[in-house]
Amino acid sequence: MANSEEKDINQAQEEKEEKDTKSDKCDKSEKKSKKSDKTAQELKKLQDDYAALNDRYMRTLAEYDNYRKRTQRDLDSRVSSTKVDVLSKILPVVDNFERAALNSDADFDGYKKGVEMTVNQFIEILKGIGVEEFGAVGDAFDPNIHNGVMHIEDENMEENVIADVFMKGYKLGDKIIRPATVKVAN
């Protein structure tokens, strides 16, 4: 009987070991399944985060592109508006020159006076938009803003002084539009 009991004990142990092995396999399978579920959840979360970031990135790119286009339109509009403003101020000068050119009854003095008035009108318009003349006789010569094309020796004038102006210079604020073309003494 002892053999039979031993067999029963051995069989019970084997069954228990088999059960434990199955249980371990189930536990391992459950753990793998839980790990797999957790990994799948993490992957899903990462994919959602990526999609959200990508969407935000694409929206930012679109907003920047719209901003760039809007800024360019505004700049073009301002440039066009500025041109219209300047031209509307210059057109009366053009009208006066045309009137002078078409006036065949004017004598020389009248014609000269009309041209002088028109030139003065034009200079006032330039001053009104911020353009300044520079480069007068007697001013100190500055090679940064003057274009010295001739040089003379004159004992009555100081050194590096403008003796004659061939073309006045013009500037807008600190920006030189055109340097003055001058003759420099000494």
C-alpha atoms as a PDB file:
ATOM      1  CA  MET A   1       0.000   0.000   0.000  1.00  0.00           C
ATOM      2  CA  ALA A   2       2.810   2.266   0.589  1.00  0.00           C
ATOM      3  CA  ASN A   3       3.611   2.089  -3.058  1.00  0.00           C
ATOM      4  CA  SER A   4       0.100   3.016  -3.949  1.00  0.00           C
ATOM      5  CA  GLU A   5       0.147   5.937  -1.537  1.00  0.00           C
ATOM      6  CA  GLU A   6       3.509   7.027  -2.908  1.00  0.00           C
ATOM      7  CA  LYS A   7       2.122   6.853  -6.387  1.00  0.00           C
ATOM      8  CA  ASP A   8      -0.898   8.882  -5.324  1.00  0.00           C
ATOM      9  CA  ILE A   9       1.390  11.433  -3.603  1.00  0.00           C
ATOM     10  CA  ASN A  10       3.687  11.553  -6.632  1.00  0.00           C
ATOM     11  CA  GLN A  11       0.717  11.851  -8.921  1.00  0.00           C
ATOM     12  CA  ALA A  12      -0.743  14.600  -6.737  1.00  0.00           C
ATOM     13  CA  GLN A  13       2.600  16.385  -6.750  1.00  0.00           C
ATOM     14  CA  GLU A  14       2.873  16.057 -10.515  1.00  0.00           C
ATOM     15  CA  GLU A  15      -0.660  17.331 -10.902  1.00  0.00           C
ATOM     16  CA  LYS A  16       0.143  20.207  -8.560  1.00  0.00           C
ATOM     17  CA  GLU A  17       3.349  20.976 -10.458  1.00  0.00           C
ATOM     18  CA  GLU A  18       1.432  20.762 -13.718  1.00  0.00           C
ATOM     19  CA  LYS A  19      -1.224  23.040 -12.276  1.00  0.00           C
ATOM     20  CA  ASP A  20       1.465  25.397 -10.969  1.00  0.00           C
ATOM     21  CA  THR A  21       3.185  25.334 -14.359  1.00  0.00           C
ATOM     22  CA  LYS A  22      -0.133  26.067 -16.058  1.00  0.00           C
ATOM     23  CA  SER A  23      -0.792  28.755 -13.487  1.00  0.00           C
ATOM     24  CA  ASP A  24       2.678  30.210 -14.036  1.00  0.00           C
ATOM     25  CA  LYS A  25       2.091  30.092 -17.771  1.00  0.00           C
ATOM     26  CA  CYS A  26      -1.253  31.797 -17.277  1.00  0.00           C
ATOM     27  CA  ASP A  27       0.345  34.340 -14.962  1.00  0.00           C
ATOM     28  CA  LYS A  28       3.111  34.891 -17.475  1.00  0.00           C
ATOM     29  CA  SER A  29       0.549  35.088 -20.258  1.00  0.00           C
ATOM     30  CA  GLU A  30      -1.527  37.525 -18.196  1.00  0.00           C
ATOM     31  CA  LYS A  31       1.589  39.543 -17.418  1.00  0.00           C
ATOM     32  CA  LYS A  32       2.505  39.548 -21.093  1.00  0.00           C
ATOM     33  CA  SER A  33      -1.043  40.495 -21.937  1.00  0.00           C
ATOM     34  CA  LYS A  34      -1.003  43.268 -19.323  1.00  0.00           C
ATOM     35  CA  LYS A  35       2.398  44.426 -20.595  1.00  0.00           C
ATOM     36  CA  SER A  36       1.101  44.283 -24.130  1.00  0.00           C
ATOM     37  CA  ASP A  37      -2.013  46.262 -23.142  1.00  0.00           C
ATOM     38  CA  LYS A  38       0.151  48.787 -21.294  1.00  0.00           C
ATOM     39  CA  THR A  39       2.527  49.070 -24.271  1.00  0.00           C
ATOM     40  CA  ALA A  40      -0.422  49.457 -26.621  1.00  0.00           C
ATOM     41  CA  GLN A  41      -1.861  52.189 -24.386  1.00  0.00           C
ATOM     42  CA  GLU A  42       1.495  53.963 -24.242  1.00  0.00           C
ATOM     43  CA  LEU A  43       1.841  53.677 -28.027  1.00  0.00           C
ATOM     44  CA  LYS A  44      -1.681  55.056 -28.486  1.00  0.00           C
ATOM     45  CA  LYS A  45      -0.887  57.941 -26.124  1.00  0.00           C
ATOM     46  CA  LEU A  46       2.353  58.705 -27.981  1.00  0.00           C
ATOM     47  CA  GLN A  47       0.537  58.577 -31.312  1.00  0.00           C
ATOM     48  CA  ASP A  48      -2.143  60.948 -29.991  1.00  0.00           C
ATOM     49  CA  ASP A  49       0.545  63.301 -28.628  1.00  0.00           C
ATOM     50  CA  TYR A  50       2.350  63.191 -31.975  1.00  0.00           C
ATOM     51  CA  ALA A  51      -0.865  63.920 -33.847  1.00  0.00           C
ATOM     52  CA  ALA A  52      -1.649  66.847 -31.533  1.00  0.00           C
ATOM     53  CA  LEU A  53       1.866  68.285 -31.887  1.00  0.00           C
ATOM     54  CA  ASN A  54       1.840  67.791 -35.641  1.00  0.00           C
ATOM     55  CA  ASP A  55      -1.540  69.535 -35.859  1.00  0.00           C
ATOM     56  CA  ARG A  56      -0.230  72.425 -33.754  1.00  0.00           C
ATOM     57  CA  TYR A  57       2.890  72.630 -35.919  1.00  0.00           C
ATOM     58  CA  MET A  58       0.862  72.681 -39.131  1.00  0.00           C
ATOM     59  CA  ARG A  59      -1.451  75.364 -37.748  1.00  0.00           C
ATOM     60  CA  THR A  60       1.555  77.452 -36.685  1.00  0.00           C
ATOM     61  CA  LEU A  61       3.028  77.144 -40.179  1.00  0.00           C
ATOM     62  CA  ALA A  62      -0.277  78.219 -41.707  1.00  0.00           C
ATOM     63  CA  GLU A  63      -0.569  81.161 -39.310  1.00  0.00           C
ATOM     64  CA  TYR A  64       2.986  82.256 -40.098  1.00  0.00           C
ATOM     65  CA  ASP A  65       2.340  82.008 -43.835  1.00  0.00           C
ATOM     66  CA  ASN A  66      -0.841  84.084 -43.441  1.00  0.00           C
ATOM     67  CA  TYR A  67       1.058  86.627 -41.314  1.00  0.00           C
ATOM     68  CA  ARG A  68       3.816  86.878 -43.936  1.00  0.00           C
ATOM     69  CA  LYS A  69       1.297  87.387 -46.740  1.00  0.00           C
ATOM     70  CA  ARG A  70      -0.686  89.947 -44.735  1.00  0.00           C
ATOM     71  CA  THR A  71       2.499  91.855 -43.864  1.00  0.00           C
ATOM     72  CA  GLN A  72       3.562  91.893 -47.521  1.00  0.00           C
ATOM     73  CA  ARG A  73       0.108  93.153 -48.567  1.00  0.00           C
ATOM     74  CA  ASP A  74       0.274  95.889 -45.903  1.00  0.00           C
ATOM     75  CA  LEU A  75       3.747  96.896 -47.049  1.00  0.00           C
ATOM     76  CA  ASP A  76       2.669  96.978 -50.696  1.00  0.00           C
ATOM     77  CA  SER A  77      -0.371  99.015 -49.715  1.00  0.00           C
ATOM     78  CA  ARG A  78       1.738 101.518 -47.760  1.00  0.00           C
ATOM     79  CA  VAL A  79       4.223 101.871 -50.616  1.00  0.00           C
ATOM     80  CA  SER A  80       1.401 102.421 -53.081  1.00  0.00           C
ATOM     81  CA  SER A  81      -0.292 104.898 -50.751  1.00  0.00           C
ATOM     82  CA  THR A  82       2.967 106.797 -50.243  1.00  0.00           C
ATOM     83  CA  LYS A  83       3.514 107.000 -53.999  1.00  0.00           C
ATOM     84  CA  VAL A  84      -0.009 108.320 -54.489  1.00  0.00           C
ATOM     85  CA  ASP A  85       0.509 110.927 -51.743  1.00  0.00           C
ATOM     86  CA  VAL A  86       3.789 112.171 -53.234  1.00  0.00           C
ATOM     87  CA  LEU A  87       2.477 112.187 -56.786  1.00  0.00           C
ATOM     88  CA  SER A  88      -0.674 114.058 -55.771  1.00  0.00           C
ATOM     89  CA  LYS A  89       1.569 116.770 -54.307  1.00  0.00           C
ATOM     90  CA  ILE A  90       3.762 116.904 -57.434  1.00  0.00           C
ATOM     91  CA  LEU A  91       0.946 117.011 -60.010  1.00  0.00           C
ATOM     92  CA  PRO A  92       0.160 120.730 -59.420  1.00  0.00           C
ATOM     93  CA  VAL A  93       3.815 121.472 -60.264  1.00  0.00           C
ATOM     94  CA  VAL A  94       3.463 119.506 -63.495  1.00  0.00           C
ATOM     95  CA  ASP A  95       0.265 121.430 -64.261  1.00  0.00           C
ATOM     96  CA  ASN A  96       2.060 124.768 -63.764  1.00  0.00           C
ATOM     97  CA  PHE A  97       4.937 123.705 -66.039  1.00  0.00           C
ATOM     98  CA  GLU A  98       2.426 122.666 -68.715  1.00  0.00           C
ATOM     99  CA  ARG A  99       0.606 126.009 -68.421  1.00  0.00           C
ATOM    100  CA  ALA A 100       3.903 127.836 -68.776  1.00  0.00           C
ATOM    101  CA  ALA A 101       4.882 125.775 -71.807  1.00  0.00           C
ATOM    102  CA  LEU A 102       1.489 126.366 -73.493  1.00  0.00           C
ATOM    103  CA  ASN A 103       1.409 130.116 -72.782  1.00  0.00           C
ATOM    104  CA  SER A 104       2.612 131.616 -76.058  1.00  0.00           C
ATOM    105  CA  ASP A 105       1.571 135.172 -75.089  1.00  0.00           C
ATOM    106  CA  ALA A 106       3.967 135.494 -72.114  1.00  0.00           C
ATOM    107  CA  ASP A 107       7.022 137.704 -72.378  1.00  0.00           C
ATOM    108  CA  PHE A 108      10.414 136.521 -71.123  1.00  0.00           C
ATOM    109  CA  ASP A 109      10.110 138.176 -67.682  1.00  0.00           C
ATOM    110  CA  GLY A 110       6.636 136.763 -67.104  1.00  0.00           C
ATOM    111  CA  TYR A 111       7.743 133.344 -68.257  1.00  0.00           C
ATOM    112  CA  LYS A 112      10.836 133.476 -66.026  1.00  0.00           C
ATOM    113  CA  LYS A 113       8.760 134.574 -63.024  1.00  0.00           C
ATOM    114  CA  GLY A 114       6.288 131.702 -63.621  1.00  0.00           C
ATOM    115  CA  VAL A 115       9.092 129.130 -63.815  1.00  0.00           C
ATOM    116  CA  GLU A 116      10.683 130.483 -60.619  1.00  0.00           C
ATOM    117  CA  MET A 117       7.344 130.287 -58.808  1.00  0.00           C
ATOM    118  CA  THR A 118       6.850 126.712 -60.007  1.00  0.00           C
ATOM    119  CA  VAL A 119      10.362 125.701 -58.890  1.00  0.00           C
ATOM    120  CA  ASN A 120       9.708 127.274 -55.466  1.00  0.00           C
ATOM    121  CA  GLN A 121       6.405 125.387 -55.284  1.00  0.00           C
ATOM    122  CA  PHE A 122       8.250 122.168 -56.039  1.00  0.00           C
ATOM    123  CA  ILE A 123      10.916 122.883 -53.392  1.00  0.00           C
ATOM    124  CA  GLU A 124       8.190 123.526 -50.810  1.00  0.00           C
ATOM    125  CA  ILE A 125       6.595 120.191 -51.671  1.00  0.00           C
ATOM    126  CA  LEU A 126       9.971 118.453 -51.164  1.00  0.00           C
ATOM    127  CA  LYS A 127      10.396 120.189 -47.790  1.00  0.00           C
ATOM    128  CA  GLY A 128       6.856 119.141 -46.865  1.00  0.00           C
ATOM    129  CA  ILE A 129       7.707 115.470 -47.325  1.00  0.00           C
ATOM    130  CA  GLY A 130      10.970 115.843 -45.379  1.00  0.00           C
ATOM    131  CA  VAL A 131      13.514 116.244 -48.190  1.00  0.00           C
ATOM    132  CA  GLU A 132      16.311 118.720 -47.407  1.00  0.00           C
ATOM    133  CA  GLU A 133      18.761 120.421 -49.764  1.00  0.00           C
ATOM    134  CA  PHE A 134      22.449 120.633 -48.884  1.00  0.00           C
ATOM    135  CA  GLY A 135      25.717 121.669 -50.474  1.00  0.00           C
ATOM    136  CA  ALA A 136      25.800 125.452 -50.623  1.00  0.00           C
ATOM    137  CA  VAL A 137      28.770 127.661 -51.519  1.00  0.00           C
ATOM    138  CA  GLY A 138      30.859 128.287 -48.394  1.00  0.00           C
ATOM    139  CA  ASP A 139      29.910 125.019 -46.649  1.00  0.00           C
ATOM    140  CA  ALA A 140      32.696 122.736 -45.453  1.00  0.00           C
ATOM    141  CA  PHE A 141      33.435 119.903 -47.893  1.00  0.00           C
ATOM    142  CA  ASP A 142      32.452 116.446 -46.591  1.00  0.00           C
ATOM    143  CA  PRO A 143      33.328 113.545 -48.926  1.00  0.00           C
ATOM    144  CA  ASN A 144      30.537 111.471 -47.347  1.00  0.00           C
ATOM    145  CA  ILE A 145      27.812 113.765 -48.694  1.00  0.00           C
ATOM    146  CA  HIS A 146      29.577 115.811 -51.396  1.00  0.00           C
ATOM    147  CA  ASN A 147      30.948 114.678 -54.728  1.00  0.00           C
ATOM    148  CA  GLY A 148      33.991 116.872 -55.400  1.00  0.00           C
ATOM    149  CA  VAL A 149      34.543 116.942 -59.167  1.00  0.00           C
ATOM    150  CA  MET A 150      36.910 119.936 -59.337  1.00  0.00           C
ATOM    151  CA  HIS A 151      39.517 121.562 -57.153  1.00  0.00           C
ATOM    152  CA  ILE A 152      40.695 125.152 -57.291  1.00  0.00           C
ATOM    153  CA  GLU A 153      43.233 127.260 -55.467  1.00  0.00           C
ATOM    154  CA  ASP A 154      41.663 130.463 -54.126  1.00  0.00           C
ATOM    155  CA  GLU A 155      43.420 132.619 -51.535  1.00  0.00           C
ATOM    156  CA  ASN A 156      40.150 134.289 -50.571  1.00  0.00           C
ATOM    157  CA  MET A 157      38.572 130.987 -49.449  1.00  0.00           C
ATOM    158  CA  GLU A 158      39.384 128.663 -46.583  1.00  0.00           C
ATOM    159  CA  GLU A 159      40.689 125.123 -47.056  1.00  0.00           C
ATOM    160  CA  ASN A 160      38.193 122.377 -47.961  1.00  0.00           C
ATOM    161  CA  VAL A 161      35.330 124.777 -48.612  1.00  0.00           C
ATOM    162  CA  ILE A 162      32.761 124.483 -51.399  1.00  0.00           C
ATOM    163  CA  ALA A 163      33.559 127.089 -54.052  1.00  0.00           C
ATOM    164  CA  ASP A 164      30.799 126.248 -56.526  1.00  0.00           C
ATOM    165  CA  VAL A 165      27.777 123.925 -56.658  1.00  0.00           C
ATOM    166  CA  PHE A 166      27.007 122.100 -59.892  1.00  0.00           C
ATOM    167  CA  MET A 167      24.107 120.045 -58.470  1.00  0.00           C
ATOM    168  CA  LYS A 168      22.512 120.435 -55.052  1.00  0.00           C
ATOM    169  CA  GLY A 169      22.423 117.413 -52.809  1.00  0.00           C
ATOM    170  CA  TYR A 170      19.234 116.069 -51.266  1.00  0.00           C
ATOM    171  CA  LYS A 171      18.619 113.932 -48.201  1.00  0.00           C
ATOM    172  CA  LEU A 172      15.644 112.479 -46.406  1.00  0.00           C
ATOM    173  CA  GLY A 173      16.412 112.318 -42.704  1.00  0.00           C
ATOM    174  CA  ASP A 174      19.880 110.765 -42.465  1.00  0.00           C
ATOM    175  CA  LYS A 175      19.642 109.028 -45.848  1.00  0.00           C
ATOM    176  CA  ILE A 176      21.405 110.713 -48.755  1.00  0.00           C
ATOM    177  CA  ILE A 177      19.185 110.709 -51.836  1.00  0.00           C
ATOM    178  CA  ARG A 178      21.791 112.365 -54.025  1.00  0.00           C
ATOM    179  CA  PRO A 179      25.198 113.787 -53.033  1.00  0.00           C
ATOM    180  CA  ALA A 180      25.922 117.392 -53.964  1.00  0.00           C
ATOM    181  CA  THR A 181      28.280 117.770 -56.936  1.00  0.00           C
ATOM    182  CA  VAL A 182      30.696 120.576 -56.066  1.00  0.00           C
ATOM    183  CA  LYS A 183      33.948 122.395 -56.784  1.00  0.00           C
ATOM    184  CA  VAL A 184      36.254 122.476 -53.752  1.00  0.00           C
ATOM    185  CA  ALA A 185      38.655 125.299 -52.893  1.00  0.00           C
ATOM    186  CA  ASN A 186      42.255 124.825 -51.687  1.00  0.00           C
END
